[in-house]
Protein backbone atom coordinates (compact mmCIF):
# COMPACT_ATOMS: atom_id res chain seq x y z
CA UNK A 1 54.46 -16.65 12.42
CA UNK A 2 55.46 -13.85 10.00
CA UNK A 3 52.59 -12.22 8.18
CA UNK A 4 52.58 -9.95 5.11
CA UNK A 5 49.86 -7.58 3.93
CA UNK A 6 49.88 -7.25 0.12
CA UNK A 7 48.01 -4.26 -1.34
CA UNK A 8 47.57 -3.41 -5.01
CA UNK A 9 46.02 -0.20 -6.31
CA UNK A 10 46.47 -0.17 -10.08
CA UNK A 11 43.44 -0.21 -12.38
CA UNK A 12 45.56 -1.62 -15.23
CA UNK A 13 45.10 -5.30 -14.43
CA UNK A 14 47.68 -7.56 -16.06
CA UNK A 15 49.27 -4.58 -17.84
CA UNK A 16 50.19 -2.98 -14.51
CA UNK A 17 53.87 -2.59 -13.70
CA UNK A 18 53.21 -1.96 -10.02
CA UNK A 19 51.23 -5.21 -9.80
CA UNK A 20 54.09 -7.13 -11.39
CA UNK A 21 56.50 -5.58 -8.89
CA UNK A 22 54.35 -6.37 -5.85
CA UNK A 23 53.86 -9.95 -7.07
CA UNK A 24 57.61 -10.31 -7.41
CA UNK A 25 58.15 -8.93 -3.91
CA UNK A 26 55.54 -11.21 -2.35
CA UNK A 27 57.11 -14.22 -4.09
CA UNK A 28 60.52 -13.24 -2.72
CA UNK A 29 59.06 -12.78 0.76
CA UNK A 30 57.33 -16.18 0.63
CA UNK A 31 60.60 -17.83 -0.40
CA UNK A 32 62.36 -16.26 2.58
CA UNK A 33 59.47 -17.01 4.98
CA UNK A 34 58.16 -20.46 4.01
CA UNK A 35 55.94 -20.60 7.09
CA UNK A 36 54.57 -17.11 6.64
CA UNK A 37 51.06 -16.04 5.72
CA UNK A 38 49.84 -13.39 3.27
CA UNK A 39 46.67 -11.28 3.27
CA UNK A 40 45.62 -9.45 0.11
CA UNK A 41 43.63 -6.28 -0.56
CA UNK A 42 42.99 -4.98 -4.08
CA UNK A 43 42.16 -1.28 -3.99
CA UNK A 44 42.11 -1.14 -7.78
CA UNK A 45 39.26 -3.62 -8.26
CA UNK A 46 37.52 -3.05 -4.92
CA UNK A 47 38.13 0.57 -3.87
CA UNK A 48 37.24 1.71 -0.39
CA UNK A 49 34.46 4.26 0.09
CA UNK A 50 35.79 7.77 0.38
CA UNK A 51 35.10 9.76 3.50
CA UNK A 52 32.14 12.05 2.86
CA UNK A 53 29.60 14.18 4.69
CA UNK A 54 27.55 11.14 5.65
CA UNK A 55 30.29 8.98 7.15
CA UNK A 56 33.49 10.98 7.56
CA UNK A 57 32.75 12.40 11.00
CA UNK A 58 32.91 8.90 12.49
CA UNK A 59 36.54 9.61 13.37
CA UNK A 60 35.60 12.76 15.30
CA UNK A 61 32.71 11.44 17.37
CA UNK A 62 32.47 8.81 20.12
CA UNK A 63 30.96 5.53 18.89
CA UNK A 64 27.79 5.99 20.90
CA UNK A 65 27.01 9.10 18.83
CA UNK A 66 27.51 7.44 15.45
CA UNK A 67 24.78 7.35 12.86
CA UNK A 68 24.36 4.00 11.07
CA UNK A 69 26.51 5.28 8.18
CA UNK A 70 29.20 6.48 10.57
CA UNK A 71 29.13 3.20 12.48
CA UNK A 72 29.64 1.26 9.25
CA UNK A 73 32.51 3.55 8.22
CA UNK A 74 34.18 3.20 11.62
CA UNK A 75 33.83 -0.58 11.46
CA UNK A 76 35.63 -0.55 8.11
CA UNK A 77 38.38 1.61 9.57
CA UNK A 78 38.78 -0.86 12.43
CA UNK A 79 39.09 -3.67 9.88
CA UNK A 80 41.71 -1.82 7.83
CA UNK A 81 43.78 -0.84 10.85
CA UNK A 82 43.50 -4.43 12.04
CA UNK A 83 44.94 -5.69 8.77
CA UNK A 84 47.96 -3.45 9.28
CA UNK A 85 48.33 -4.43 12.94
CA UNK A 86 48.43 -8.11 12.03
CA UNK A 87 51.24 -7.63 9.50
CA UNK A 88 54.96 -7.63 10.11
CA UNK A 89 55.52 -6.54 6.50
CA UNK A 90 53.36 -4.44 4.19
CA UNK A 91 53.84 -4.34 0.41
CA UNK A 92 51.93 -1.58 -1.40
CA UNK A 93 51.85 -1.03 -5.15
CA UNK A 94 51.71 2.70 -5.88
CA UNK A 95 51.13 3.77 -9.49
CA UNK A 96 51.23 7.44 -10.40
CA UNK A 97 47.95 8.80 -11.78
CA UNK A 98 47.82 12.37 -13.05
CA UNK A 99 50.94 13.16 -11.01
CA UNK A 100 49.44 11.92 -7.74
CA UNK A 101 48.44 8.80 -5.84
CA UNK A 102 45.33 6.91 -6.96
CA UNK A 103 42.28 8.12 -5.06
CA UNK A 104 41.84 4.57 -3.74
CA UNK A 105 45.18 4.85 -1.95
CA UNK A 106 44.20 8.24 -0.54
CA UNK A 107 41.00 6.68 0.81
CA UNK A 108 42.99 3.84 2.40
CA UNK A 109 45.23 6.38 4.12
CA UNK A 110 42.23 8.44 5.27
CA UNK A 111 40.70 5.36 6.88
CA UNK A 112 43.96 4.60 8.69
CA UNK A 113 44.05 7.99 10.42
CA UNK A 114 41.93 6.92 13.36
CA UNK A 115 42.29 8.17 16.95
CA UNK A 116 42.76 5.37 19.43
CA UNK A 117 43.45 2.86 16.69
CA UNK A 118 46.42 4.15 14.70
CA UNK A 119 47.53 7.00 16.94
CA UNK A 120 47.13 8.08 20.54
CA UNK A 121 45.05 11.28 20.54
CA UNK A 122 46.46 12.32 23.92
CA UNK A 123 50.13 12.05 23.03
CA UNK A 124 50.08 12.01 19.22
CA UNK A 125 52.13 8.81 19.26
CA UNK A 126 51.73 6.60 16.21
CA UNK A 127 50.57 3.10 17.08
CA UNK A 128 51.43 1.28 13.84
CA UNK A 129 55.20 1.76 13.73
CA UNK A 130 57.78 -0.98 13.76
CA UNK A 131 56.56 -2.65 10.56
CA UNK A 132 58.48 -3.05 7.34
CA UNK A 133 56.45 -0.96 4.88
CA UNK A 134 57.65 -1.42 1.31
CA UNK A 135 56.15 0.73 -1.44
CA UNK A 136 56.69 -0.39 -5.02
CA UNK A 137 56.02 2.67 -7.13
CA UNK A 138 55.63 2.96 -10.88
CA UNK A 139 55.39 6.10 -12.95
CA UNK A 140 54.93 6.52 -16.65
CA UNK A 141 57.36 9.39 -17.12
CA UNK A 142 60.63 10.58 -15.67
CA UNK A 143 60.54 12.95 -12.71
CA UNK A 144 64.09 12.81 -11.40
CA UNK A 145 66.52 15.62 -10.74
CA UNK A 146 67.17 17.68 -13.84
CA UNK A 147 64.24 16.36 -15.87
CA UNK A 148 61.65 18.76 -17.32
CA UNK A 149 59.06 17.47 -14.86
CA UNK A 150 61.24 17.27 -11.79
CA UNK A 151 59.00 17.44 -8.73
CA UNK A 152 55.80 16.54 -10.58
CA UNK A 153 55.52 13.18 -8.80
CA UNK A 154 53.28 14.12 -5.88
CA UNK A 155 52.56 10.54 -4.77
CA UNK A 156 55.92 9.46 -3.36
CA UNK A 157 56.54 12.66 -1.33
CA UNK A 158 52.97 12.69 -0.03
CA UNK A 159 52.65 9.15 1.33
CA UNK A 160 55.12 9.48 4.26
CA UNK A 161 53.38 12.70 5.29
CA UNK A 162 49.91 11.24 4.89
CA UNK A 163 50.76 8.31 7.17
CA UNK A 164 53.04 10.17 9.58
CA UNK A 165 50.50 10.17 12.42
CA UNK A 166 50.32 6.37 12.37
CA UNK A 167 54.04 5.70 12.78
CA UNK A 168 54.26 3.85 9.47
CA UNK A 169 57.42 4.76 7.57
CA UNK A 170 57.41 3.70 3.90
CA UNK A 171 60.52 2.91 1.92
CA UNK A 172 60.33 3.08 -1.85
CA UNK A 173 61.51 1.11 -4.86
CA UNK A 174 60.48 2.86 -8.07
CA UNK A 175 60.33 1.94 -11.74
CA UNK A 176 59.80 4.87 -14.08
CA UNK A 177 59.26 5.64 -17.77
CA UNK A 178 56.81 2.74 -17.94
CA UNK A 179 54.76 4.50 -20.63
CA UNK A 180 57.69 4.22 -23.01
CA UNK A 181 56.53 0.70 -23.88
CA UNK A 182 53.12 1.86 -25.11
CA UNK A 183 53.66 5.47 -26.21
CA UNK A 184 55.16 5.94 -29.70
CA UNK A 185 56.62 9.35 -28.86
CA UNK A 186 58.57 7.77 -25.99
CA UNK A 187 60.05 4.86 -27.94
CA UNK A 188 63.57 6.23 -27.67
CA UNK A 189 63.27 6.06 -23.88
CA UNK A 190 62.68 2.29 -23.79
CA UNK A 191 66.34 1.52 -22.93
CA UNK A 192 66.06 3.84 -19.92
CA UNK A 193 62.75 2.24 -18.96
CA UNK A 194 64.36 -1.20 -19.20
CA UNK A 195 67.22 -0.04 -16.99
CA UNK A 196 64.86 1.42 -14.39
CA UNK A 197 62.69 -1.70 -14.29
CA UNK A 198 65.71 -4.00 -14.03
CA UNK A 199 67.09 -1.95 -11.15
CA UNK A 200 63.75 -2.15 -9.33
CA UNK A 201 63.55 -5.91 -9.85
CA UNK A 202 67.12 -6.36 -8.63
CA UNK A 203 66.37 -4.34 -5.52
CA UNK A 204 63.29 -6.44 -4.84
CA UNK A 205 65.19 -9.70 -5.30
CA UNK A 206 67.71 -8.60 -2.69
CA UNK A 207 65.22 -7.56 -0.04
CA UNK A 208 65.01 -10.82 1.85
CA UNK A 209 67.91 -12.71 0.30
CA UNK A 210 70.19 -14.35 2.86
CA UNK A 211 73.41 -12.50 3.48
CA UNK A 212 76.47 -13.95 1.80
CA UNK A 213 78.88 -15.74 4.09
CA UNK A 214 82.48 -14.67 3.61
């Protein structure tokens, strides 16, 4: 039975563009997989604990040497890797905060880098590959080629590198200029924001649509 893991990370609630995009994608996936199941994790409302001095070394020590804090952290990592293992498809909402990924997403990635669970420490082989990993990104400004802030989006380039050890390979659909709707100085960019959002929605709608028969 097909299974999808749906992850949101925005702290914007109902105002979030990335949440609207992931909801649209999950609805499209459900329509194409009527017998499928969906698991949900909300990193925006329930962020994962960051790796720190007390628990972070759990990934570098054998379980029998874990402190109670390290054991709890490792158990959470096992749970998170398990959620990915169970999924055929992963949908992640990735808003851009201060030109980078939300810290909650960074924490999720840090937990997934786990020897023996997500990669083979002897060979370096990623153990989570072969899944469809769709990232629906939103960013308030424009960071494309030729724009004043070209290259300032550090979230989309980072994620494939951050997860490279696991074998997960994200593909991106991005809506940009989302702040045009709420920022008076960006009002003139609303038509471009509309165009970007419509293109993202169209791409989502075509993800699992049946191929046309000639």
